[in-house]
Amino acid sequence: MSERELLLLEEQVVSLVREIGAEVLARPAPPRFRTLAELRAVFDELDGPLQQKMRARLRPLRPSATWADEFESALPTSGELWAIDALDGAVQYLHGLPHWCVSVALVRDGAPVLAVLHSPTLDETYAATLGGGATRNGAPIAPADKRELIAAYVATSSPPFVAQKPALVSLAGRSLSAMLGTVGAVRNLGAQAWQAADVAGGRLDAFWQYGADDVNFVGAALLAREAGAIVSDAAGQPWRAGADSILVAAPSLHAQLVAVLSSLR
């Protein structure tokens, strides 16, 4: 796919995610729920039709591409596929919070070539193509240039169903303790991909998470790299689909943050 073809595809995907986001934003507030079963029912009723609509619109753009949710936790290493999420940050949305987005990434041979994230509540869209740079609402973005960890504003989260993985829970807890004693502030601001994109855009200085979470991060990793941020695992090695952790950081702080996280192993 040429650079021109990628940019045209980006325009089409941006139009789609903005349409989906506007549709969700215009809906009445989701009903209250009291149990996990009720939460799932509310989510499925909303998310299912949105996912189907996105697939129907994306399928003609790359007819041979498959879909990430057809696979397990790891993405395949060959072929093209779409990684899509009509309601990334669904837990926040279902609780009436604004920290959610619509996300789309096109992956080829295990690596992202296009990524678009749209936040309807902020009316903002992050977009990137491989080799084409990264933008927010069409303007180029770049990571922050902090020099001291004590001045850094960082974020973290956890993969789905993390309670079933005690080792990850332990690492997440110990890493949070280490960061709280080192950086200026730690927050969890909802959708993981949007937080990673905000590192690319200079709003956050870093984001880290333990656990493989390919579909959430494959597009955000492209956005961050194209903006000039460093995307690695917690040990400082370049992040790839299947990695057991992720660290997205401003270049000026990356080595210091790796040192903090590496001390936990």
Protein backbone atom coordinates (compact mmCIF):
# COMPACT_ATOMS: atom_id res chain seq x y z
CA MET A 1 0.00 0.00 0.00
CA SER A 2 1.45 3.37 -1.03
CA GLU A 3 1.65 6.42 1.24
CA ARG A 4 -1.12 8.04 -0.82
CA GLU A 5 -3.36 4.98 -0.39
CA LEU A 6 -2.72 4.94 3.36
CA LEU A 7 -3.63 8.63 3.69
CA LEU A 8 -6.84 8.11 1.73
CA LEU A 9 -7.68 5.15 3.95
CA GLU A 10 -6.98 7.29 7.02
CA GLU A 11 -9.49 9.88 5.81
CA GLN A 12 -12.16 7.22 5.37
CA VAL A 13 -11.51 5.72 8.81
CA VAL A 14 -11.56 9.15 10.48
CA SER A 15 -14.96 9.80 8.94
CA LEU A 16 -16.25 6.45 10.20
CA VAL A 17 -15.04 6.79 13.79
CA ARG A 18 -16.47 10.30 14.04
CA GLU A 19 -19.82 9.01 12.78
CA ILE A 20 -19.83 6.13 15.27
CA GLY A 21 -18.78 8.44 18.10
CA ALA A 22 -21.55 10.92 17.32
CA GLU A 23 -24.09 8.09 17.29
CA VAL A 24 -23.01 6.88 20.74
CA LEU A 25 -22.87 10.41 22.14
CA ALA A 26 -26.43 11.11 20.97
CA ARG A 27 -27.86 8.10 22.79
CA PRO A 28 -29.67 8.44 26.12
CA ALA A 29 -27.60 7.65 29.19
CA PRO A 30 -27.18 3.87 29.62
CA PRO A 31 -29.52 2.27 32.15
CA ARG A 32 -28.25 1.55 35.64
CA PHE A 33 -27.14 -1.97 36.43
CA ARG A 34 -26.62 -3.86 39.69
CA THR A 35 -24.83 -7.04 38.67
CA LEU A 36 -22.14 -8.17 36.24
CA ALA A 37 -24.77 -9.98 34.18
CA GLU A 38 -26.79 -6.78 33.85
CA LEU A 39 -23.66 -4.84 32.87
CA ARG A 40 -22.87 -7.35 30.13
CA ALA A 41 -26.43 -7.21 28.82
CA VAL A 42 -26.36 -3.41 28.60
CA PHE A 43 -22.96 -3.48 26.91
CA ASP A 44 -23.86 -6.19 24.39
CA GLU A 45 -27.05 -4.41 23.36
CA LEU A 46 -25.05 -1.29 22.52
CA ASP A 47 -21.74 -2.67 21.32
CA GLY A 48 -22.92 -5.49 19.04
CA PRO A 49 -24.73 -3.32 16.46
CA LEU A 50 -21.93 -0.73 16.50
CA GLN A 51 -19.28 -3.37 15.81
CA GLN A 52 -21.37 -4.79 12.97
CA LYS A 53 -21.76 -1.33 11.45
CA MET A 54 -18.02 -0.69 11.63
CA ARG A 55 -17.24 -4.03 10.03
CA ALA A 56 -19.71 -3.41 7.22
CA ARG A 57 -18.05 -0.06 6.46
CA LEU A 58 -14.46 -1.28 6.76
CA ARG A 59 -14.82 -4.57 4.89
CA PRO A 60 -14.97 -3.03 1.38
CA LEU A 61 -11.89 -0.91 2.09
CA ARG A 62 -9.64 -3.98 2.59
CA PRO A 63 -11.68 -7.01 1.45
CA SER A 64 -9.00 -9.56 2.33
CA ALA A 65 -8.44 -8.28 5.89
CA THR A 66 -9.68 -10.36 8.83
CA TRP A 67 -10.68 -9.19 12.32
CA ALA A 68 -8.60 -9.18 15.47
CA ASP A 69 -11.31 -10.59 17.70
CA GLU A 70 -11.26 -13.82 15.69
CA PHE A 71 -7.96 -14.59 17.41
CA GLU A 72 -6.94 -15.09 21.01
CA SER A 73 -4.75 -12.67 22.97
CA ALA A 74 -1.89 -12.59 20.42
CA LEU A 75 -2.20 -11.10 16.95
CA PRO A 76 -1.14 -13.21 13.96
CA THR A 77 2.25 -12.54 12.40
CA SER A 78 1.10 -12.66 8.79
CA GLY A 79 -1.73 -11.17 6.78
CA GLU A 80 -3.86 -8.07 7.26
CA LEU A 81 -6.47 -7.51 9.92
CA TRP A 82 -8.56 -4.77 11.49
CA ALA A 83 -8.40 -4.24 15.25
CA ILE A 84 -11.52 -2.25 16.09
CA ASP A 85 -13.34 -1.16 19.22
CA ALA A 86 -16.56 0.81 18.93
CA LEU A 87 -16.54 1.57 22.65
CA ASP A 88 -12.98 1.55 23.97
CA GLY A 89 -13.38 2.41 27.65
CA ALA A 90 -16.84 0.88 27.90
CA VAL A 91 -16.70 0.69 31.71
CA GLN A 92 -16.29 4.46 31.87
CA TYR A 93 -19.07 5.05 29.33
CA LEU A 94 -21.49 2.77 31.17
CA HIS A 95 -20.85 4.72 34.38
CA GLY A 96 -21.48 8.08 32.75
CA LEU A 97 -17.82 9.12 32.57
CA PRO A 98 -16.29 10.84 29.51
CA HIS A 99 -13.09 8.75 29.23
CA TRP A 100 -13.95 6.52 26.26
CA CYS A 101 -13.22 6.52 22.54
CA VAL A 102 -13.73 4.75 19.22
CA SER A 103 -10.60 3.04 17.93
CA VAL A 104 -9.50 1.45 14.65
CA ALA A 105 -6.13 0.04 13.64
CA LEU A 106 -5.04 -1.75 10.48
CA VAL A 107 -2.34 -4.34 11.12
CA ARG A 108 -0.15 -6.01 8.51
CA ASP A 109 2.07 -8.99 9.35
CA GLY A 110 1.74 -8.28 13.07
CA ALA A 111 2.66 -4.57 12.85
CA PRO A 112 0.31 -1.56 12.68
CA VAL A 113 0.21 0.57 9.53
CA LEU A 114 -2.75 2.83 10.38
CA ALA A 115 -4.38 3.96 13.61
CA VAL A 116 -7.28 6.28 14.41
CA LEU A 117 -8.75 7.10 17.84
CA HIS A 118 -11.71 9.44 18.31
CA SER A 119 -13.04 10.89 21.56
CA PRO A 120 -16.57 12.19 21.00
CA THR A 121 -16.69 13.90 24.40
CA LEU A 122 -13.54 15.90 23.58
CA ASP A 123 -14.29 16.17 19.85
CA GLU A 124 -10.70 15.08 19.20
CA THR A 125 -9.22 12.58 16.79
CA TYR A 126 -5.73 11.09 16.87
CA ALA A 127 -4.53 9.59 13.59
CA ALA A 128 -1.31 8.08 12.24
CA THR A 129 -0.02 6.11 9.28
CA LEU A 130 3.26 4.21 9.08
CA GLY A 131 5.92 6.70 8.07
CA GLY A 132 3.39 9.52 7.79
CA GLY A 133 3.57 11.05 11.27
CA ALA A 134 0.83 11.47 13.86
CA THR A 135 -1.79 14.18 14.31
CA ARG A 136 -4.53 15.37 16.65
CA ASN A 137 -7.41 17.01 14.77
CA GLY A 138 -5.09 17.28 11.78
CA ALA A 139 -2.23 19.07 13.56
CA PRO A 140 1.12 17.32 14.10
CA ILE A 141 1.80 16.15 17.66
CA ALA A 142 4.93 15.47 19.69
CA PRO A 143 5.64 14.10 23.18
CA ALA A 144 6.53 16.29 26.15
CA ASP A 145 10.11 17.20 27.06
CA LYS A 146 10.17 16.77 30.84
CA ARG A 147 13.60 16.17 32.38
CA GLU A 148 12.81 15.13 35.96
CA LEU A 149 10.62 12.24 37.05
CA ILE A 150 9.45 14.25 40.04
CA ALA A 151 7.77 16.61 37.57
CA ALA A 152 6.26 13.82 35.47
CA TYR A 153 2.52 13.17 35.08
CA VAL A 154 2.05 9.50 34.21
CA ALA A 155 -0.79 7.00 33.87
CA THR A 156 -1.38 3.27 34.17
CA SER A 157 -4.10 0.67 33.78
CA SER A 158 -4.61 -3.09 33.65
CA PRO A 159 -5.64 -5.61 30.98
CA PRO A 160 -9.11 -7.23 30.99
CA PHE A 161 -9.78 -9.86 33.65
CA VAL A 162 -6.52 -9.11 35.42
CA ALA A 163 -7.83 -10.62 38.68
CA GLN A 164 -7.40 -14.04 37.08
CA LYS A 165 -3.64 -13.44 36.79
CA PRO A 166 -2.14 -12.98 40.30
CA ALA A 167 1.38 -12.39 39.00
CA LEU A 168 0.18 -9.41 36.95
CA VAL A 169 -1.75 -8.03 39.91
CA SER A 170 1.42 -8.23 42.00
CA LEU A 171 3.52 -6.48 39.35
CA ALA A 172 0.90 -3.78 38.84
CA GLY A 173 0.74 -3.11 42.57
CA ARG A 174 4.50 -3.02 43.06
CA SER A 175 5.02 -0.83 40.01
CA LEU A 176 2.39 1.62 41.25
CA SER A 177 4.12 1.82 44.62
CA ALA A 178 7.46 2.44 42.93
CA MET A 179 6.04 5.11 40.63
CA LEU A 180 4.16 6.89 43.40
CA GLY A 181 7.45 7.35 45.20
CA THR A 182 9.23 8.63 42.10
CA VAL A 183 7.02 10.70 39.77
CA GLY A 184 4.90 13.78 40.35
CA ALA A 185 1.49 12.13 39.87
CA VAL A 186 -0.05 8.83 38.71
CA ARG A 187 -3.57 8.56 37.31
CA ASN A 188 -5.81 6.11 35.44
CA LEU A 189 -7.76 8.09 32.86
CA GLY A 190 -9.89 5.41 31.28
CA ALA A 191 -9.30 3.90 27.84
CA GLN A 192 -5.75 2.56 27.68
CA ALA A 193 -5.21 3.42 24.02
CA TRP A 194 -6.27 7.03 24.55
CA GLN A 195 -3.89 7.39 27.47
CA ALA A 196 -1.02 6.09 25.33
CA ALA A 197 -2.05 8.51 22.58
CA ASP A 198 -2.01 11.36 25.10
CA VAL A 199 1.65 10.53 25.75
CA ALA A 200 2.21 10.93 22.00
CA GLY A 201 0.41 14.27 22.16
CA GLY A 202 2.38 15.59 25.12
CA ARG A 203 -0.43 15.64 27.68
CA LEU A 204 0.95 12.73 29.68
CA ASP A 205 4.63 12.02 30.14
CA ALA A 206 4.29 8.22 30.21
CA PHE A 207 1.89 5.30 30.37
CA TRP A 208 2.69 1.76 31.49
CA GLN A 209 0.78 -1.49 31.89
CA TYR A 210 1.60 -5.13 32.60
CA GLY A 211 0.02 -7.98 30.64
CA ALA A 212 -0.38 -8.75 26.94
CA ASP A 213 -3.11 -6.53 25.49
CA ASP A 214 -2.41 -6.41 21.76
CA VAL A 215 -5.74 -5.16 20.42
CA ASN A 216 -5.79 -2.22 22.81
CA PHE A 217 -2.24 -1.12 22.11
CA VAL A 218 -1.34 -2.00 18.54
CA GLY A 219 -2.79 1.23 17.13
CA ALA A 220 -1.67 3.41 20.03
CA ALA A 221 1.88 2.10 19.61
CA LEU A 222 1.93 3.36 16.03
CA LEU A 223 0.57 6.76 17.07
CA ALA A 224 3.19 7.12 19.78
CA ARG A 225 6.11 6.07 17.60
CA GLU A 226 5.06 8.29 14.72
CA ALA A 227 4.84 11.23 17.13
CA GLY A 228 8.35 10.58 18.46
CA ALA A 229 7.59 8.83 21.76
CA ILE A 230 9.39 5.62 22.75
CA VAL A 231 7.30 2.45 22.94
CA SER A 232 8.92 -0.46 24.75
CA ASP A 233 8.15 -3.18 27.23
CA ALA A 234 8.87 -2.62 30.92
CA ALA A 235 12.44 -3.84 30.44
CA GLY A 236 13.11 -1.28 27.72
CA GLN A 237 12.95 -3.60 24.69
CA PRO A 238 10.95 -2.41 21.65
CA TRP A 239 7.28 -3.23 22.09
CA ARG A 240 5.77 -5.77 19.70
CA ALA A 241 2.43 -7.52 19.62
CA GLY A 242 2.54 -10.29 22.21
CA ALA A 243 4.76 -8.40 24.66
CA ASP A 244 3.97 -8.97 28.35
CA SER A 245 4.07 -5.25 29.20
CA ILE A 246 4.12 -1.82 27.60
CA LEU A 247 5.76 1.50 28.41
CA VAL A 248 4.99 4.56 26.29
CA ALA A 249 7.15 7.49 27.31
CA ALA A 250 8.60 10.82 26.32
CA PRO A 251 12.17 10.17 25.10
CA SER A 252 13.60 12.44 27.79
CA LEU A 253 12.19 10.22 30.57
CA HIS A 254 12.14 6.74 29.05
CA ALA A 255 15.46 5.47 30.44
CA GLN A 256 14.64 6.71 33.93
CA LEU A 257 11.24 5.01 33.87
CA VAL A 258 12.73 1.74 32.61
CA ALA A 259 15.13 1.85 35.56
CA VAL A 260 12.20 2.17 37.97
CA LEU A 261 10.26 -0.72 36.42
CA SER A 262 13.28 -2.97 35.89
CA SER A 263 13.98 -2.89 39.61
CA LEU A 264 10.75 -4.84 40.24
CA ARG A 265 11.75 -8.06 38.46
